[in-house]
PDB file of N, CA and C in Angstrom:
ATOM      1  N   UNK A   1     -12.003   1.200  17.639  1.00  0.00           N
ATOM      2  CA  UNK A   1     -11.152   2.261  17.148  1.00  0.00           C
ATOM      3  C   UNK A   1     -12.054   3.333  16.522  1.00  0.00           C
ATOM      4  N   UNK A   2     -11.779   4.574  16.825  1.00  0.00           N
ATOM      5  CA  UNK A   2     -12.557   5.662  16.241  1.00  0.00           C
ATOM      6  C   UNK A   2     -11.822   6.251  15.034  1.00  0.00           C
ATOM      7  N   UNK A   3     -12.481   7.164  14.327  1.00  0.00           N
ATOM      8  CA  UNK A   3     -11.906   7.747  13.105  1.00  0.00           C
ATOM      9  C   UNK A   3     -10.588   8.472  13.368  1.00  0.00           C
ATOM     10  N   UNK A   4     -10.523   9.191  14.477  1.00  0.00           N
ATOM     11  CA  UNK A   4      -9.301   9.949  14.795  1.00  0.00           C
ATOM     12  C   UNK A   4      -8.112   9.016  15.004  1.00  0.00           C
ATOM     13  N   UNK A   5      -8.345   7.958  15.736  1.00  0.00           N
ATOM     14  CA  UNK A   5      -7.265   6.985  15.988  1.00  0.00           C
ATOM     15  C   UNK A   5      -6.852   6.287  14.683  1.00  0.00           C
ATOM     16  N   UNK A   6      -7.814   5.967  13.842  1.00  0.00           N
ATOM     17  CA  UNK A   6      -7.505   5.337  12.558  1.00  0.00           C
ATOM     18  C   UNK A   6      -6.639   6.259  11.704  1.00  0.00           C
ATOM     19  N   UNK A   7      -6.988   7.549  11.656  1.00  0.00           N
ATOM     20  CA  UNK A   7      -6.203   8.505  10.880  1.00  0.00           C
ATOM     21  C   UNK A   7      -4.788   8.638  11.426  1.00  0.00           C
ATOM     22  N   UNK A   8      -4.648   8.676  12.744  1.00  0.00           N
ATOM     23  CA  UNK A   8      -3.317   8.755  13.360  1.00  0.00           C
ATOM     24  C   UNK A   8      -2.476   7.530  13.003  1.00  0.00           C
ATOM     25  N   UNK A   9      -3.103   6.366  13.013  1.00  0.00           N
ATOM     26  CA  UNK A   9      -2.403   5.127  12.679  1.00  0.00           C
ATOM     27  C   UNK A   9      -1.940   5.144  11.220  1.00  0.00           C
ATOM     28  N   UNK A  10      -2.800   5.581  10.327  1.00  0.00           N
ATOM     29  CA  UNK A  10      -2.459   5.665   8.904  1.00  0.00           C
ATOM     30  C   UNK A  10      -1.291   6.618   8.697  1.00  0.00           C
ATOM     31  N   UNK A  11      -1.364   7.797   9.296  1.00  0.00           N
ATOM     32  CA  UNK A  11      -0.283   8.787   9.152  1.00  0.00           C
ATOM     33  C   UNK A  11       1.026   8.271   9.732  1.00  0.00           C
ATOM     34  N   UNK A  12       0.966   7.626  10.884  1.00  0.00           N
ATOM     35  CA  UNK A  12       2.177   7.108  11.526  1.00  0.00           C
ATOM     36  C   UNK A  12       2.838   6.030  10.666  1.00  0.00           C
ATOM     37  N   UNK A  13       2.035   5.122  10.115  1.00  0.00           N
ATOM     38  CA  UNK A  13       2.576   4.062   9.262  1.00  0.00           C
ATOM     39  C   UNK A  13       3.220   4.627   8.003  1.00  0.00           C
ATOM     40  N   UNK A  14       2.567   5.616   7.390  1.00  0.00           N
ATOM     41  CA  UNK A  14       3.134   6.210   6.179  1.00  0.00           C
ATOM     42  C   UNK A  14       4.408   6.985   6.492  1.00  0.00           C
ATOM     43  N   UNK A  15       4.417   7.714   7.596  1.00  0.00           N
ATOM     44  CA  UNK A  15       5.626   8.448   7.991  1.00  0.00           C
ATOM     45  C   UNK A  15       6.791   7.500   8.274  1.00  0.00           C
ATOM     46  N   UNK A  16       6.495   6.330   8.814  1.00  0.00           N
ATOM     47  CA  UNK A  16       7.537   5.362   9.158  1.00  0.00           C
ATOM     48  C   UNK A  16       8.144   4.691   7.927  1.00  0.00           C
ATOM     49  N   UNK A  17       7.387   4.604   6.845  1.00  0.00           N
ATOM     50  CA  UNK A  17       7.893   3.935   5.636  1.00  0.00           C
ATOM     51  C   UNK A  17       7.447   4.703   4.396  1.00  0.00           C
ATOM     52  N   UNK A  18       8.106   5.809   4.143  1.00  0.00           N
ATOM     53  CA  UNK A  18       7.761   6.644   2.992  1.00  0.00           C
ATOM     54  C   UNK A  18       8.276   6.065   1.670  1.00  0.00           C
ATOM     55  N   UNK A  19       9.241   5.150   1.774  1.00  0.00           N
ATOM     56  CA  UNK A  19       9.832   4.570   0.570  1.00  0.00           C
ATOM     57  C   UNK A  19       9.850   3.046   0.677  1.00  0.00           C
ATOM     58  N   UNK A  20       9.630   2.403  -0.454  1.00  0.00           N
ATOM     59  CA  UNK A  20       9.744   0.953  -0.575  1.00  0.00           C
ATOM     60  C   UNK A  20      11.236   0.600  -0.633  1.00  0.00           C
ATOM     61  N   UNK A  21      11.547  -0.657  -0.449  1.00  0.00           N
ATOM     62  CA  UNK A  21      12.939  -1.120  -0.563  1.00  0.00           C
ATOM     63  C   UNK A  21      13.502  -0.864  -1.955  1.00  0.00           C
ATOM     64  N   UNK A  22      12.615  -0.774  -2.961  1.00  0.00           N
ATOM     65  CA  UNK A  22      13.071  -0.529  -4.333  1.00  0.00           C
ATOM     66  C   UNK A  22      13.411   0.951  -4.568  1.00  0.00           C
ATOM     67  N   UNK A  23      13.088   1.815  -3.588  1.00  0.00           N
ATOM     68  CA  UNK A  23      13.405   3.233  -3.716  1.00  0.00           C
ATOM     69  C   UNK A  23      12.240   4.107  -4.146  1.00  0.00           C
ATOM     70  N   UNK A  24      11.119   3.497  -4.503  1.00  0.00           N
ATOM     71  CA  UNK A  24       9.950   4.270  -4.929  1.00  0.00           C
ATOM     72  C   UNK A  24       9.137   4.692  -3.720  1.00  0.00           C
ATOM     73  N   UNK A  25       8.351   5.743  -3.901  1.00  0.00           N
ATOM     74  CA  UNK A  25       7.487   6.228  -2.824  1.00  0.00           C
ATOM     75  C   UNK A  25       6.409   5.206  -2.487  1.00  0.00           C
ATOM     76  N   UNK A  26       5.978   5.219  -1.227  1.00  0.00           N
ATOM     77  CA  UNK A  26       4.820   4.425  -0.843  1.00  0.00           C
ATOM     78  C   UNK A  26       3.592   5.334  -0.832  1.00  0.00           C
ATOM     79  N   UNK A  27       2.439   4.734  -1.006  1.00  0.00           N
ATOM     80  CA  UNK A  27       1.182   5.480  -1.012  1.00  0.00           C
ATOM     81  C   UNK A  27       0.175   4.760  -0.134  1.00  0.00           C
ATOM     82  N   UNK A  28      -0.747   5.541   0.405  1.00  0.00           N
ATOM     83  CA  UNK A  28      -1.836   4.980   1.190  1.00  0.00           C
ATOM     84  C   UNK A  28      -3.018   4.798   0.238  1.00  0.00           C
ATOM     85  N   UNK A  29      -3.526   3.584   0.158  1.00  0.00           N
ATOM     86  CA  UNK A  29      -4.587   3.241  -0.789  1.00  0.00           C
ATOM     87  C   UNK A  29      -5.748   2.589  -0.041  1.00  0.00           C
ATOM     88  N   UNK A  30      -6.963   2.989  -0.402  1.00  0.00           N
ATOM     89  CA  UNK A  30      -8.165   2.374   0.160  1.00  0.00           C
ATOM     90  C   UNK A  30      -8.719   1.368  -0.838  1.00  0.00           C
ATOM     91  N   UNK A  31      -8.864   0.136  -0.391  1.00  0.00           N
ATOM     92  CA  UNK A  31      -9.484  -0.918  -1.195  1.00  0.00           C
ATOM     93  C   UNK A  31     -10.700  -1.417  -0.419  1.00  0.00           C
ATOM     94  N   UNK A  32     -11.874  -0.923  -0.773  1.00  0.00           N
ATOM     95  CA  UNK A  32     -13.139  -1.376  -0.176  1.00  0.00           C
ATOM     96  C   UNK A  32     -13.151  -1.283   1.345  1.00  0.00           C
ATOM     97  N   UNK A  33     -12.662  -0.162   1.873  1.00  0.00           N
ATOM     98  CA  UNK A  33     -12.699   0.047   3.313  1.00  0.00           C
ATOM     99  C   UNK A  33     -11.497  -0.471   4.068  1.00  0.00           C
ATOM    100  N   UNK A  34     -10.557  -1.071   3.362  1.00  0.00           N
ATOM    101  CA  UNK A  34      -9.304  -1.526   3.973  1.00  0.00           C
ATOM    102  C   UNK A  34      -8.197  -0.625   3.450  1.00  0.00           C
ATOM    103  N   UNK A  35      -7.413  -0.052   4.357  1.00  0.00           N
ATOM    104  CA  UNK A  35      -6.384   0.915   3.988  1.00  0.00           C
ATOM    105  C   UNK A  35      -5.022   0.222   3.998  1.00  0.00           C
ATOM    106  N   UNK A  36      -4.342   0.318   2.858  1.00  0.00           N
ATOM    107  CA  UNK A  36      -3.060  -0.342   2.647  1.00  0.00           C
ATOM    108  C   UNK A  36      -1.957   0.673   2.423  1.00  0.00           C
ATOM    109  N   UNK A  37      -0.742   0.311   2.820  1.00  0.00           N
ATOM    110  CA  UNK A  37       0.459   1.053   2.456  1.00  0.00           C
ATOM    111  C   UNK A  37       1.099   0.258   1.328  1.00  0.00           C
ATOM    112  N   UNK A  38       1.243   0.892   0.157  1.00  0.00           N
ATOM    113  CA  UNK A  38       1.741   0.181  -1.019  1.00  0.00           C
ATOM    114  C   UNK A  38       2.849   0.950  -1.717  1.00  0.00           C
ATOM    115  N   UNK A  39       3.744   0.210  -2.324  1.00  0.00           N
ATOM    116  CA  UNK A  39       4.745   0.795  -3.204  1.00  0.00           C
ATOM    117  C   UNK A  39       4.015   1.384  -4.410  1.00  0.00           C
ATOM    118  N   UNK A  40       4.467   2.532  -4.871  1.00  0.00           N
ATOM    119  CA  UNK A  40       3.813   3.169  -6.016  1.00  0.00           C
ATOM    120  C   UNK A  40       3.944   2.342  -7.290  1.00  0.00           C
ATOM    121  N   UNK A  41       4.838   1.362  -7.315  1.00  0.00           N
ATOM    122  CA  UNK A  41       4.974   0.509  -8.499  1.00  0.00           C
ATOM    123  C   UNK A  41       3.745  -0.369  -8.704  1.00  0.00           C
ATOM    124  N   UNK A  42       2.939  -0.587  -7.662  1.00  0.00           N
ATOM    125  CA  UNK A  42       1.726  -1.403  -7.796  1.00  0.00           C
ATOM    126  C   UNK A  42       0.701  -0.734  -8.700  1.00  0.00           C
ATOM    127  N   UNK A  43       0.816   0.583  -8.913  1.00  0.00           N
ATOM    128  CA  UNK A  43      -0.137   1.320  -9.753  1.00  0.00           C
ATOM    129  C   UNK A  43       0.148   1.181 -11.244  1.00  0.00           C
ATOM    130  N   UNK A  44       1.335   0.707 -11.583  1.00  0.00           N
ATOM    131  CA  UNK A  44       1.736   0.650 -12.985  1.00  0.00           C
ATOM    132  C   UNK A  44       1.367  -0.683 -13.622  1.00  0.00           C
ATOM    133  N   UNK A  45       1.005  -0.617 -14.888  1.00  0.00           N
ATOM    134  CA  UNK A  45       0.755  -1.822 -15.682  1.00  0.00           C
ATOM    135  C   UNK A  45       1.984  -2.044 -16.559  1.00  0.00           C
ATOM    136  N   UNK A  46       2.721  -3.123 -16.326  1.00  0.00           N
ATOM    137  CA  UNK A  46       3.900  -3.374 -17.152  1.00  0.00           C
ATOM    138  C   UNK A  46       3.503  -3.697 -18.596  1.00  0.00           C
ATOM    139  N   UNK A  47       4.295  -3.197 -19.527  1.00  0.00           N
ATOM    140  CA  UNK A  47       4.048  -3.453 -20.950  1.00  0.00           C
ATOM    141  C   UNK A  47       5.041  -4.480 -21.461  1.00  0.00           C
ATOM    142  N   UNK A  48       4.554  -5.453 -22.171  1.00  0.00           N
ATOM    143  CA  UNK A  48       5.404  -6.493 -22.738  1.00  0.00           C
ATOM    144  C   UNK A  48       5.456  -7.715 -21.844  1.00  0.00           C
ATOM    145  N   UNK A  49       5.698  -8.838 -22.454  1.00  0.00           N
ATOM    146  CA  UNK A  49       5.692 -10.119 -21.735  1.00  0.00           C
ATOM    147  C   UNK A  49       6.788 -10.187 -20.674  1.00  0.00           C
ATOM    148  N   UNK A  50       7.998  -9.775 -21.011  1.00  0.00           N
ATOM    149  CA  UNK A  50       9.105  -9.833 -20.058  1.00  0.00           C
ATOM    150  C   UNK A  50       8.845  -8.923 -18.859  1.00  0.00           C
ATOM    151  N   UNK A  51       8.322  -7.735 -19.098  1.00  0.00           N
ATOM    152  CA  UNK A  51       8.016  -6.809 -18.010  1.00  0.00           C
ATOM    153  C   UNK A  51       6.932  -7.369 -17.091  1.00  0.00           C
ATOM    154  N   UNK A  52       5.928  -8.024 -17.655  1.00  0.00           N
ATOM    155  CA  UNK A  52       4.861  -8.625 -16.836  1.00  0.00           C
ATOM    156  C   UNK A  52       5.399  -9.779 -15.994  1.00  0.00           C
ATOM    157  N   UNK A  53       6.266 -10.595 -16.574  1.00  0.00           N
ATOM    158  CA  UNK A  53       6.855 -11.715 -15.839  1.00  0.00           C
ATOM    159  C   UNK A  53       7.732 -11.194 -14.700  1.00  0.00           C
ATOM    160  N   UNK A  54       8.575 -10.217 -15.001  1.00  0.00           N
ATOM    161  CA  UNK A  54       9.451  -9.633 -13.985  1.00  0.00           C
ATOM    162  C   UNK A  54       8.629  -9.006 -12.867  1.00  0.00           C
ATOM    163  N   UNK A  55       7.570  -8.298 -13.228  1.00  0.00           N
ATOM    164  CA  UNK A  55       6.698  -7.668 -12.235  1.00  0.00           C
ATOM    165  C   UNK A  55       6.051  -8.706 -11.334  1.00  0.00           C
ATOM    166  N   UNK A  56       5.594  -9.804 -11.914  1.00  0.00           N
ATOM    167  CA  UNK A  56       4.963 -10.863 -11.124  1.00  0.00           C
ATOM    168  C   UNK A  56       5.964 -11.522 -10.172  1.00  0.00           C
ATOM    169  N   UNK A  57       7.187 -11.719 -10.630  1.00  0.00           N
ATOM    170  CA  UNK A  57       8.203 -12.371  -9.813  1.00  0.00           C
ATOM    171  C   UNK A  57       8.711 -11.489  -8.677  1.00  0.00           C
ATOM    172  N   UNK A  58       8.695 -10.181  -8.865  1.00  0.00           N
ATOM    173  CA  UNK A  58       9.228  -9.274  -7.849  1.00  0.00           C
ATOM    174  C   UNK A  58       8.143  -8.591  -7.019  1.00  0.00           C
ATOM    175  N   UNK A  59       6.880  -8.875  -7.266  1.00  0.00           N
ATOM    176  CA  UNK A  59       5.782  -8.209  -6.553  1.00  0.00           C
ATOM    177  C   UNK A  59       5.900  -8.373  -5.038  1.00  0.00           C
ATOM    178  N   UNK A  60       6.316  -9.514  -4.576  1.00  0.00           N
ATOM    179  CA  UNK A  60       6.437  -9.758  -3.145  1.00  0.00           C
ATOM    180  C   UNK A  60       7.542  -8.974  -2.461  1.00  0.00           C
ATOM    181  N   UNK A  61       8.438  -8.397  -3.231  1.00  0.00           N
ATOM    182  CA  UNK A  61       9.543  -7.622  -2.666  1.00  0.00           C
ATOM    183  C   UNK A  61       9.141  -6.174  -2.385  1.00  0.00           C
ATOM    184  N   UNK A  62       8.029  -5.742  -2.943  1.00  0.00           N
ATOM    185  CA  UNK A  62       7.580  -4.358  -2.775  1.00  0.00           C
ATOM    186  C   UNK A  62       6.644  -4.238  -1.581  1.00  0.00           C
ATOM    187  N   UNK A  63       6.659  -3.071  -0.959  1.00  0.00           N
ATOM    188  CA  UNK A  63       5.802  -2.811   0.200  1.00  0.00           C
ATOM    189  C   UNK A  63       4.333  -2.955  -0.190  1.00  0.00           C
ATOM    190  N   UNK A  64       3.619  -3.741   0.567  1.00  0.00           N
ATOM    191  CA  UNK A  64       2.162  -3.849   0.450  1.00  0.00           C
ATOM    192  C   UNK A  64       1.668  -4.433   1.770  1.00  0.00           C
ATOM    193  N   UNK A  65       1.198  -3.542   2.640  1.00  0.00           N
ATOM    194  CA  UNK A  65       0.848  -3.944   3.989  1.00  0.00           C
ATOM    195  C   UNK A  65      -0.470  -3.310   4.407  1.00  0.00           C
ATOM    196  N   UNK A  66      -1.338  -4.105   4.991  1.00  0.00           N
ATOM    197  CA  UNK A  66      -2.600  -3.595   5.516  1.00  0.00           C
ATOM    198  C   UNK A  66      -2.316  -2.743   6.740  1.00  0.00           C
ATOM    199  N   UNK A  67      -2.846  -1.528   6.735  1.00  0.00           N
ATOM    200  CA  UNK A  67      -2.676  -0.637   7.883  1.00  0.00           C
ATOM    201  C   UNK A  67      -3.870  -0.773   8.824  1.00  0.00           C
ATOM    202  N   UNK A  68      -5.066  -0.606   8.269  1.00  0.00           N
ATOM    203  CA  UNK A  68      -6.256  -0.650   9.108  1.00  0.00           C
ATOM    204  C   UNK A  68      -7.470  -1.038   8.270  1.00  0.00           C
ATOM    205  N   UNK A  69      -8.371  -1.774   8.895  1.00  0.00           N
ATOM    206  CA  UNK A  69      -9.631  -2.141   8.259  1.00  0.00           C
ATOM    207  C   UNK A  69     -10.697  -1.194   8.795  1.00  0.00           C
ATOM    208  N   UNK A  70     -11.185  -0.299   7.931  1.00  0.00           N
ATOM    209  CA  UNK A  70     -12.159   0.714   8.339  1.00  0.00           C
ATOM    210  C   UNK A  70     -13.596   0.224   8.243  1.00  0.00           C
ATOM    211  N   UNK A  71     -13.816  -0.956   7.725  1.00  0.00           N
ATOM    212  CA  UNK A  71     -15.188  -1.448   7.563  1.00  0.00           C
ATOM    213  C   UNK A  71     -15.965  -1.480   8.863  1.00  0.00           C
ATOM    214  N   UNK A  72     -15.389  -1.890   9.999  1.00  0.00           N
ATOM    215  CA  UNK A  72     -16.156  -1.856  11.246  1.00  0.00           C
ATOM    216  C   UNK A  72     -16.564  -0.431  11.674  1.00  0.00           C
ATOM    217  N   UNK A  73     -15.771   0.580  11.305  1.00  0.00           N
ATOM    218  CA  UNK A  73     -16.094   1.962  11.659  1.00  0.00           C
ATOM    219  C   UNK A  73     -17.299   2.477  10.872  1.00  0.00           C
ATOM    220  N   UNK A  74     -17.492   1.936   9.682  1.00  0.00           N
ATOM    221  CA  UNK A  74     -18.596   2.399   8.821  1.00  0.00           C
ATOM    222  C   UNK A  74     -19.942   1.843   9.294  1.00  0.00           C
ATOM    223  N   UNK A  75     -19.908   0.764  10.049  1.00  0.00           N
ATOM    224  CA  UNK A  75     -21.159   0.128  10.489  1.00  0.00           C
ATOM    225  C   UNK A  75     -21.846   0.900  11.602  1.00  0.00           C
TER     226      UNK A  75
END
């Protein structure tokens, strides 16, 4: 896969799912060369014990999907 195709794939995935099931926007995030589509709620740090527990229990319900691994392109 070349850079152009990777960019097209990233844009297509984000266009297809702009919102998480919870209603929040999704964002494209790079984690060490791997590009993910994530619910924007993943960026927040919950405050308080109950909020942290609730966040941990519902984390699997929010969008978090690997779009493309760019590490092979960097080599």
